[in-house]
Protein backbone atom coordinates (compact mmCIF):
# COMPACT_ATOMS: atom_id res chain seq x y z
CA MET A 1 -22.07 104.55 20.54
CA TRP A 2 -23.66 105.48 17.19
CA VAL A 3 -21.59 104.13 14.27
CA TYR A 4 -22.15 104.28 10.50
CA ILE A 5 -22.02 100.97 8.64
CA ASP A 6 -19.14 101.98 6.36
CA LYS A 7 -16.95 102.35 9.50
CA ILE A 8 -18.07 99.10 11.11
CA SER A 9 -14.75 97.28 10.57
CA GLN A 10 -13.16 99.57 13.18
CA TYR A 11 -15.45 98.29 15.95
CA VAL A 12 -15.13 94.49 15.93
CA GLY A 13 -15.90 93.15 19.40
CA GLN A 14 -17.49 96.41 20.53
CA GLU A 15 -21.10 97.22 21.26
CA ILE A 16 -22.42 99.88 18.92
CA THR A 17 -25.69 101.41 17.74
CA ILE A 18 -26.90 101.71 14.15
CA LYS A 19 -29.66 104.10 13.13
CA GLY A 20 -31.27 103.20 9.84
CA TRP A 21 -33.87 101.14 8.04
CA LEU A 22 -34.74 97.48 7.55
CA TYR A 23 -33.71 96.50 4.04
CA ASN A 24 -34.80 92.86 4.22
CA ILE A 25 -35.28 90.11 6.80
CA ARG A 26 -35.29 86.32 6.79
CA SER A 27 -35.97 83.85 9.56
CA SER A 28 -34.54 80.44 10.40
CA GLY A 29 -36.34 78.94 13.39
CA LYS A 30 -34.94 80.63 16.48
CA LEU A 31 -32.74 83.00 14.48
CA MET A 32 -33.65 86.08 12.46
CA PHE A 33 -31.32 87.80 10.01
CA PRO A 34 -32.34 91.41 9.40
CA GLU A 35 -30.40 93.39 6.78
CA LEU A 36 -29.98 96.96 7.94
CA ARG A 37 -29.02 99.97 5.88
CA ASP A 38 -28.10 103.48 6.94
CA GLY A 39 -27.15 105.16 3.65
CA THR A 40 -23.45 104.28 3.90
CA GLY A 41 -23.94 100.55 3.41
CA ILE A 42 -25.77 97.40 4.47
CA ILE A 43 -24.97 95.02 7.31
CA GLN A 44 -26.57 91.75 8.29
CA GLY A 45 -27.79 91.47 11.83
CA VAL A 46 -28.23 88.28 13.82
CA VAL A 47 -31.09 88.04 16.31
CA SER A 48 -31.05 84.95 18.53
CA LYS A 49 -34.31 84.21 20.36
CA LYS A 50 -32.44 82.96 23.41
CA GLU A 51 -30.19 86.05 23.54
CA VAL A 52 -32.83 88.79 23.36
CA SER A 53 -35.92 89.66 25.33
CA GLU A 54 -39.31 88.42 24.24
CA LYS A 55 -40.28 91.97 23.31
CA VAL A 56 -37.27 92.44 21.02
CA TRP A 57 -38.04 89.13 19.30
CA GLU A 58 -41.69 90.06 18.81
CA ASP A 59 -40.83 93.57 17.64
CA PHE A 60 -38.52 92.19 14.93
CA SER A 61 -41.37 89.92 13.83
CA LYS A 62 -43.53 93.00 13.25
CA LEU A 63 -41.08 94.85 11.03
CA THR A 64 -41.79 95.52 7.37
CA GLN A 65 -39.40 96.48 4.57
CA GLU A 66 -38.10 100.05 5.09
CA SER A 67 -39.26 100.30 8.69
CA SER A 68 -37.01 102.80 10.47
CA VAL A 69 -35.17 101.34 13.42
CA ILE A 70 -32.38 101.89 15.93
CA VAL A 71 -30.52 98.70 16.85
CA THR A 72 -27.75 97.98 19.33
CA GLY A 73 -25.42 95.00 19.31
CA THR A 74 -21.86 93.72 19.10
CA VAL A 75 -19.87 93.79 15.86
CA SER A 76 -18.44 90.43 14.78
CA GLN A 77 -16.46 89.11 11.86
CA HIS A 78 -18.55 86.98 9.49
CA PRO A 79 -17.65 83.32 10.14
CA LYS A 80 -17.15 82.50 6.44
CA LYS A 81 -16.51 85.74 4.55
CA GLU A 82 -13.36 87.83 4.83
CA ASN A 83 -13.85 91.55 5.47
CA VAL A 84 -17.58 91.04 6.00
CA PHE A 85 -19.09 91.94 9.37
CA GLU A 86 -22.29 91.17 11.25
CA LEU A 87 -24.10 92.73 14.16
CA GLN A 88 -25.12 90.45 17.04
CA ILE A 89 -28.24 92.38 17.99
CA LYS A 90 -29.38 92.83 21.57
CA GLU A 91 -31.73 95.81 21.51
CA LEU A 92 -34.26 97.27 19.05
CA GLU A 93 -36.09 100.60 19.03
CA ILE A 94 -38.77 100.97 16.37
CA VAL A 95 -38.99 104.52 15.03
CA GLN A 96 -41.73 103.73 12.52
CA ILE A 97 -43.19 100.61 10.97
CA SER A 98 -43.35 101.28 7.24
CA GLU A 99 -46.47 100.86 5.17
CA PRO A 100 -46.16 98.20 2.42
CA PHE A 101 -43.17 99.32 0.35
CA PRO A 102 -43.90 99.61 -3.40
CA ILE A 103 -40.47 98.45 -4.55
CA THR A 104 -40.23 94.88 -3.35
CA PRO A 105 -37.18 92.65 -3.96
CA LYS A 106 -38.25 91.61 -7.47
CA GLU A 107 -38.05 92.93 -11.05
CA HIS A 108 -39.94 96.15 -11.79
CA GLY A 109 -40.50 98.03 -15.04
CA ILE A 110 -38.34 101.11 -15.70
CA GLU A 111 -41.35 103.46 -15.85
CA PHE A 112 -42.61 102.19 -12.49
CA LEU A 113 -39.14 102.72 -11.00
CA GLY A 114 -38.96 106.19 -12.54
CA ASP A 115 -42.34 107.12 -11.07
CA ASN A 116 -41.02 105.95 -7.69
CA ARG A 117 -37.52 107.39 -8.00
CA HIS A 118 -37.88 108.96 -4.55
CA LEU A 119 -38.01 105.40 -3.18
CA TRP A 120 -35.86 103.66 -5.82
CA ILE A 121 -32.77 105.56 -4.68
CA ARG A 122 -32.88 103.52 -1.45
CA SER A 123 -31.98 100.32 -3.33
CA THR A 124 -28.48 98.88 -3.01
CA ARG A 125 -27.55 99.55 -6.63
CA GLN A 126 -28.91 103.10 -6.84
CA ALA A 127 -27.33 104.08 -3.52
CA ALA A 128 -23.96 102.74 -4.72
CA ILE A 129 -24.19 104.79 -7.93
CA LEU A 130 -25.01 107.96 -6.00
CA ARG A 131 -22.12 107.42 -3.60
CA ILE A 132 -19.78 106.99 -6.57
CA ARG A 133 -21.23 110.14 -8.12
CA ASN A 134 -20.43 111.98 -4.90
CA GLU A 135 -16.87 110.64 -4.98
CA ILE A 136 -16.46 111.76 -8.60
CA ILE A 137 -17.63 115.30 -7.83
CA GLN A 138 -15.41 115.46 -4.76
CA SER A 139 -12.49 114.25 -6.89
CA VAL A 140 -13.19 116.97 -9.46
CA ARG A 141 -13.21 119.67 -6.82
CA GLU A 142 -10.08 118.36 -5.12
CA TYR A 143 -8.13 118.07 -8.38
CA MET A 144 -9.06 121.59 -9.41
CA TYR A 145 -8.28 123.06 -5.99
CA ASN A 146 -4.93 121.26 -5.73
CA ASN A 147 -3.94 122.43 -9.21
CA GLY A 148 -4.57 126.11 -8.65
CA PHE A 149 -8.03 126.49 -10.19
CA ILE A 150 -10.53 128.98 -8.75
CA LEU A 151 -14.20 127.98 -8.57
CA PHE A 152 -16.04 130.52 -10.73
CA ASP A 153 -19.82 130.34 -10.45
CA THR A 154 -21.61 131.40 -13.64
CA PRO A 155 -25.22 132.48 -14.27
CA ILE A 156 -28.00 129.99 -14.91
CA PHE A 157 -30.18 132.70 -16.50
CA THR A 158 -28.52 133.96 -19.69
CA PRO A 159 -29.61 136.33 -22.47
CA ASN A 160 -28.21 134.14 -25.26
CA ALA A 161 -27.19 130.67 -26.37
CA CYS A 162 -23.59 129.62 -25.77
CA GLU A 163 -23.54 127.06 -28.57
CA GLY A 164 -25.56 129.17 -31.00
CA THR A 165 -28.40 126.66 -31.20
CA SER A 166 -32.14 126.80 -30.70
CA THR A 167 -32.23 124.08 -28.04
CA LEU A 168 -32.96 126.46 -25.21
CA PHE A 169 -35.46 126.60 -22.37
CA SER A 170 -36.83 130.14 -22.26
CA THR A 171 -38.69 132.16 -19.67
CA ASP A 172 -39.96 135.74 -19.32
CA TYR A 173 -37.47 137.82 -17.36
CA PHE A 174 -39.30 140.78 -15.80
CA ASP A 175 -39.24 143.76 -18.21
CA LEU A 176 -36.07 142.66 -19.99
CA GLY A 177 -37.61 140.18 -22.37
CA LYS A 178 -36.64 136.53 -22.73
CA ALA A 179 -34.01 134.79 -20.64
CA TYR A 180 -32.72 131.26 -21.18
CA LEU A 181 -31.54 128.46 -18.92
CA SER A 182 -27.82 128.08 -19.42
CA GLN A 183 -26.45 125.53 -21.88
CA SER A 184 -22.95 126.10 -20.54
CA GLY A 185 -20.96 128.38 -18.26
CA GLN A 186 -18.05 128.48 -20.69
CA LEU A 187 -18.31 132.01 -22.08
CA TYR A 188 -18.51 133.50 -18.59
CA ALA A 189 -15.71 131.22 -17.41
CA GLU A 190 -13.47 132.64 -20.15
CA SER A 191 -13.86 136.05 -18.52
CA GLY A 192 -12.87 134.40 -15.25
CA ALA A 193 -9.69 133.01 -16.82
CA MET A 194 -8.74 136.50 -17.98
CA ALA A 195 -9.18 137.73 -14.40
CA LEU A 196 -7.89 134.78 -12.34
CA GLY A 197 -5.72 132.70 -14.69
CA LYS A 198 -7.32 129.27 -14.17
CA VAL A 199 -10.95 128.81 -13.21
CA TYR A 200 -13.64 126.13 -13.33
CA THR A 201 -17.40 126.00 -13.12
CA LEU A 202 -19.51 123.18 -11.74
CA GLY A 203 -23.26 123.35 -11.89
CA PRO A 204 -26.49 122.44 -13.66
CA THR A 205 -26.96 123.06 -17.38
CA PHE A 206 -29.94 122.59 -19.66
CA ARG A 207 -30.46 121.43 -23.25
CA ALA A 208 -33.94 121.47 -24.80
CA GLU A 209 -33.13 118.67 -27.24
CA ASN A 210 -36.01 116.28 -27.83
CA SER A 211 -33.65 113.35 -27.60
CA MET A 212 -34.49 110.01 -26.00
CA THR A 213 -31.17 108.21 -26.36
CA ARG A 214 -29.49 106.45 -23.45
CA ARG A 215 -26.86 109.23 -23.36
CA HIS A 216 -29.07 112.32 -23.23
CA ILE A 217 -30.94 114.11 -20.46
CA THR A 218 -32.30 117.65 -20.47
CA GLU A 219 -30.87 118.78 -17.12
CA PHE A 220 -27.36 117.71 -16.22
CA TRP A 221 -24.23 118.85 -14.44
CA MET A 222 -21.16 120.21 -16.20
CA MET A 223 -17.64 120.89 -15.03
CA GLU A 224 -15.91 123.44 -17.25
CA PRO A 225 -12.34 124.69 -16.68
CA GLU A 226 -10.88 127.62 -18.61
CA MET A 227 -7.16 128.40 -18.64
CA ALA A 228 -5.30 131.50 -19.81
CA TYR A 229 -2.15 130.90 -21.88
CA TYR A 230 -3.12 127.27 -22.65
CA ASP A 231 -3.03 126.02 -26.23
CA LEU A 232 -4.74 122.87 -27.53
CA ASN A 233 -1.86 120.60 -26.50
CA ASP A 234 -1.79 122.08 -22.99
CA ASN A 235 -5.53 121.47 -22.83
CA MET A 236 -5.17 117.80 -23.82
CA ASP A 237 -2.36 117.32 -21.29
CA LEU A 238 -4.65 118.65 -18.56
CA ILE A 239 -7.58 116.48 -19.65
CA GLU A 240 -5.66 113.22 -19.45
CA ASP A 241 -4.03 114.10 -16.13
CA PHE A 242 -7.42 115.10 -14.71
CA LEU A 243 -9.25 111.99 -15.94
CA GLU A 244 -6.56 109.66 -14.62
CA TYR A 245 -6.77 111.29 -11.21
CA VAL A 246 -10.54 111.05 -10.95
CA VAL A 247 -10.85 107.46 -12.18
CA GLN A 248 -8.00 106.13 -10.04
CA ARG A 249 -9.31 107.90 -6.94
CA VAL A 250 -12.76 106.35 -7.43
CA ILE A 251 -11.18 102.90 -7.75
CA LYS A 252 -9.25 103.48 -4.53
CA ASN A 253 -12.07 104.94 -2.44
CA LYS A 254 -15.17 103.23 -3.84
CA ALA A 255 -14.08 99.69 -4.64
CA GLY A 256 -16.92 98.33 -2.52
CA ASP A 257 -19.59 100.28 -4.38
CA LEU A 258 -18.03 99.36 -7.73
CA GLY A 259 -18.23 95.75 -6.54
CA ILE A 260 -21.96 96.15 -5.83
CA LEU A 261 -22.33 97.23 -9.46
CA GLN A 262 -20.16 94.29 -10.58
CA ARG A 263 -17.93 96.76 -12.39
CA ASP A 264 -14.83 95.26 -14.02
CA ILE A 265 -12.25 97.40 -12.21
CA SER A 266 -9.40 96.02 -14.35
CA LYS A 267 -10.75 98.08 -17.26
CA LEU A 268 -10.73 101.27 -15.20
CA GLU A 269 -7.23 100.55 -13.92
CA LYS A 270 -5.96 101.02 -17.49
CA VAL A 271 -7.13 104.64 -17.52
CA LYS A 272 -3.69 106.14 -17.12
CA LYS A 273 -1.91 108.68 -19.27
CA PRO A 274 -0.87 108.99 -21.99
CA PHE A 275 -4.15 108.56 -23.85
CA PRO A 276 -4.30 107.85 -27.60
CA ARG A 277 -4.49 111.08 -29.61
CA ILE A 278 -5.81 110.90 -33.16
CA THR A 279 -6.84 113.64 -35.55
CA TYR A 280 -10.31 113.88 -37.01
CA ASP A 281 -8.82 112.78 -40.34
CA GLU A 282 -7.37 109.66 -38.71
CA ALA A 283 -10.74 108.95 -37.08
CA ILE A 284 -12.43 109.22 -40.49
CA GLU A 285 -9.98 106.67 -41.88
CA ILE A 286 -10.91 104.26 -39.07
CA LEU A 287 -14.59 104.62 -39.97
CA ARG A 288 -13.92 104.13 -43.67
CA LYS A 289 -11.80 101.03 -43.10
CA LYS A 290 -14.59 99.58 -40.96
CA ASP A 291 -17.17 100.64 -43.57
CA ILE A 292 -19.26 102.58 -41.03
CA ALA A 293 -21.88 104.67 -42.79
CA LEU A 294 -23.31 108.09 -41.99
CA ILE A 295 -27.07 107.77 -41.51
CA LYS A 296 -29.01 110.76 -42.82
CA LYS A 297 -32.72 111.12 -42.16
CA THR A 298 -34.72 112.02 -45.26
CA SER A 299 -38.39 112.47 -46.01
CA GLU A 300 -38.39 108.92 -47.34
CA GLY A 301 -36.69 107.39 -44.30
CA GLU A 302 -32.98 106.92 -43.76
CA GLU A 303 -30.10 107.15 -46.21
CA GLN A 304 -26.74 105.47 -45.66
CA ILE A 305 -23.79 107.45 -46.97
CA ARG A 306 -20.51 105.62 -47.64
CA PRO A 307 -17.67 106.31 -47.31
CA PHE A 308 -18.17 108.50 -44.22
CA PRO A 309 -17.98 112.07 -45.54
CA TRP A 310 -15.37 114.53 -44.29
CA GLY A 311 -16.84 117.37 -42.25
CA GLU A 312 -19.64 115.50 -40.48
CA ASP A 313 -19.89 115.10 -36.72
CA PHE A 314 -19.90 111.64 -35.19
CA GLY A 315 -22.90 109.86 -33.74
CA ALA A 316 -22.91 107.06 -31.17
CA PRO A 317 -22.14 104.25 -33.68
CA HIS A 318 -19.16 106.18 -35.05
CA GLU A 319 -17.73 106.96 -31.62
CA GLU A 320 -18.05 103.31 -30.62
CA ALA A 321 -16.29 102.16 -33.80
CA ILE A 322 -13.42 104.62 -33.27
CA VAL A 323 -12.69 103.52 -29.68
CA GLU A 324 -13.36 99.77 -29.92
CA ASP A 325 -9.69 98.99 -30.55
CA PHE A 326 -8.51 101.05 -27.57
CA ASP A 327 -8.70 100.36 -23.82
CA LYS A 328 -8.28 104.00 -22.79
CA PRO A 329 -10.15 107.21 -23.57
CA VAL A 330 -9.36 108.41 -27.09
CA MET A 331 -8.73 112.10 -27.83
CA VAL A 332 -9.95 113.10 -31.29
CA HIS A 333 -8.58 116.53 -32.16
CA ARG A 334 -8.46 119.06 -35.00
CA TRP A 335 -12.00 119.02 -36.32
CA PRO A 336 -13.66 120.54 -39.39
CA VAL A 337 -14.80 124.07 -38.62
CA GLN A 338 -18.36 123.38 -39.77
CA ALA A 339 -18.74 120.59 -37.20
CA LYS A 340 -17.82 122.75 -34.22
CA ALA A 341 -18.97 125.83 -32.32
CA PHE A 342 -18.23 129.42 -33.30
CA TYR A 343 -15.85 130.11 -30.42
CA MET A 344 -13.24 127.48 -31.36
CA LYS A 345 -9.99 128.82 -32.73
CA ARG A 346 -9.12 127.92 -36.30
CA ASP A 347 -5.82 126.26 -37.05
CA PRO A 348 -3.50 129.02 -38.36
CA GLU A 349 -2.08 126.49 -40.84
CA ASN A 350 -5.49 125.40 -42.15
CA ARG A 351 -8.49 127.68 -41.72
CA ASP A 352 -10.86 124.77 -42.38
CA ILE A 353 -9.76 123.11 -39.13
CA ALA A 354 -10.88 124.03 -35.60
CA LEU A 355 -8.51 123.39 -32.71
CA GLY A 356 -11.06 121.29 -30.87
CA VAL A 357 -10.86 117.98 -29.05
CA ASP A 358 -13.47 115.39 -28.09
CA VAL A 359 -12.63 112.69 -25.56
CA LEU A 360 -14.36 109.39 -26.29
CA ALA A 361 -14.64 106.90 -23.44
CA PRO A 362 -13.96 103.22 -24.13
CA GLU A 363 -16.53 100.42 -23.76
CA GLY A 364 -19.03 102.21 -26.00
CA PHE A 365 -19.75 105.21 -23.76
CA GLY A 366 -18.86 107.84 -26.34
CA GLU A 367 -18.05 111.49 -25.77
CA ILE A 368 -17.52 112.53 -22.16
CA ILE A 369 -15.49 115.71 -22.77
CA GLY A 370 -15.54 118.36 -25.46
CA GLY A 371 -12.99 121.15 -25.50
CA SER A 372 -10.93 123.47 -27.62
CA GLN A 373 -8.51 126.30 -27.85
CA ARG A 374 -10.73 129.39 -27.91
CA GLU A 375 -10.58 132.02 -30.61
CA ASP A 376 -8.53 134.91 -29.17
CA ASN A 377 -8.55 137.21 -32.23
CA TYR A 378 -11.28 139.86 -32.18
CA ASP A 379 -11.79 140.07 -35.93
CA PHE A 380 -11.91 136.31 -36.45
CA LEU A 381 -14.38 135.84 -33.59
CA LEU A 382 -16.58 138.66 -34.90
CA GLU A 383 -16.57 136.97 -38.30
CA ARG A 384 -17.67 133.67 -36.78
CA ILE A 385 -20.47 135.30 -34.76
CA LYS A 386 -21.81 136.86 -37.95
CA GLU A 387 -21.46 133.58 -39.87
CA HIS A 388 -23.61 131.86 -37.24
CA ASP A 389 -26.15 134.71 -37.39
CA LEU A 390 -25.90 135.34 -33.66
CA PRO A 391 -27.15 138.60 -32.09
CA LEU A 392 -24.05 140.77 -31.96
CA GLU A 393 -25.31 142.92 -29.06
CA GLU A 394 -25.55 139.85 -26.80
CA PHE A 395 -21.95 138.87 -27.51
CA GLN A 396 -20.32 142.29 -27.31
CA TRP A 397 -19.09 141.66 -23.77
CA TYR A 398 -17.59 138.37 -24.98
CA LEU A 399 -15.84 140.18 -27.82
CA ASP A 400 -14.47 142.68 -25.26
CA LEU A 401 -12.31 139.89 -23.85
CA ARG A 402 -10.42 140.00 -27.18
CA LYS A 403 -9.93 143.77 -26.98
CA PHE A 404 -8.44 144.13 -23.52
CA GLY A 405 -5.39 141.93 -23.05
CA SER A 406 -6.34 138.96 -25.22
CA VAL A 407 -4.19 135.86 -24.82
CA PRO A 408 -4.28 132.27 -26.09
CA HIS A 409 -6.64 130.28 -23.88
CA SER A 410 -8.38 126.93 -23.79
CA GLY A 411 -10.93 124.91 -21.88
CA PHE A 412 -13.26 121.97 -21.93
CA GLY A 413 -16.62 120.73 -20.69
CA LEU A 414 -17.15 117.47 -18.82
CA GLY A 415 -20.62 115.97 -18.43
CA ILE A 416 -20.76 114.61 -14.89
CA GLU A 417 -23.54 112.11 -15.67
CA ARG A 418 -21.68 110.75 -18.68
CA LEU A 419 -18.59 110.26 -16.54
CA VAL A 420 -20.69 108.53 -13.86
CA SER A 421 -22.28 106.31 -16.52
CA TRP A 422 -18.91 105.22 -17.86
CA ILE A 423 -17.21 104.62 -14.50
CA CYS A 424 -20.26 102.71 -13.19
CA ASN A 425 -20.87 100.94 -16.54
CA LEU A 426 -24.53 101.99 -16.62
CA GLU A 427 -26.80 101.00 -19.46
CA HIS A 428 -28.70 104.29 -19.27
CA ILE A 429 -27.77 107.76 -18.09
CA ARG A 430 -31.04 108.05 -16.12
CA GLU A 431 -29.39 106.22 -13.22
CA ALA A 432 -26.44 108.64 -13.06
CA ILE A 433 -28.36 111.52 -11.45
CA PRO A 434 -30.65 111.56 -8.41
CA TYR A 435 -33.69 112.79 -10.38
CA VAL A 436 -33.66 112.56 -14.15
CA ARG A 437 -35.24 115.11 -16.48
CA ARG A 438 -35.98 113.91 -20.02
CA PRO A 439 -38.49 115.02 -22.67
CA ASN A 440 -41.01 112.54 -21.26
CA ARG A 441 -40.28 112.96 -17.55
CA ILE A 442 -40.41 115.90 -15.14
CA ARG A 443 -41.78 114.03 -12.09
CA PRO A 444 -41.08 113.24 -9.31
């Protein structure tokens, strides 16, 4: 009976078969202890020379790291460790004996591991991260489905920039000129909200920013819901309910993988609504009280500006300073218009304020969600498009949404890799995706 390792606890005392690979092996006289992996986990096997045939014993002696094998044996409880199981091996079938594996059980440089990412993902830590990533994405889909959202797939080729920036990957598109890899599905998702009420997108997005920070990659996955008849407060209510659901489900279903990463689960257990909500002005006051400067790059180097000036966006040091006194995600809302995108609705009571919200994760992980109430007034949106010097003909369809049954609506964007990084407590976002793309890496 073929059984996966993550289900092994259900088969104590039974003879089962595991199909996988040799992760490691050690020997102690007449006993061998192979560690076997099958993608769902790792189990230690016990091979007793007196209990197996001479061929099985000799075949185990031949195995190298990552050799592919099929083993049969009886599942037993570990004699000293609770909820840990072993396999008393009786039979072995060698599928292939691996050539010398490049990633041995020792320290390797990050560039070497990146060059061998196709093999690195087999390691215990990387496999645990990718299983947690899968759980996060499944949680996202389940939450959206259970709360009445329709999956709305948006184009990856677009004729324009969503954010109105120049950080775009371009390509020739037949006889129609330039096309660009999507920065976001948001604008298209807004049309979906006008048709279907509540929609969400989930797919790859691209930013051609020449950034090498631990938080930035050039190809990443975004989840973006858009909701008709939602204002900014409705949007923030949804965000905190959604985040609580995803984090608590990961704790429940992936405690073992979080344990492999030595993640302090007690910190994630605190991620329950309500979350702190502070205005941009209140966030500025926190920075000024802590005497956190704005660093501006000049031709002569760097200039430190104190006190932190109103109207500027936050960088990583500012986000970390804002959240360091909180143990939950912090929602910073009502931002200066000049710091935010053209499509954000202005506060009717103060036209200098955009009804936007950024969600900053605790523990120094910074922004994981950015959202807003969208501008629903045709004339105001047209004004903003012109202010940003965007090509009007490319946004005419987007303006149409404000001509035919316009309503208040809101949405947000969640970076999947940033969420994975925070939940897994990763030092660098490169580990949060199967294959990373950065300005200095496009292979493998």
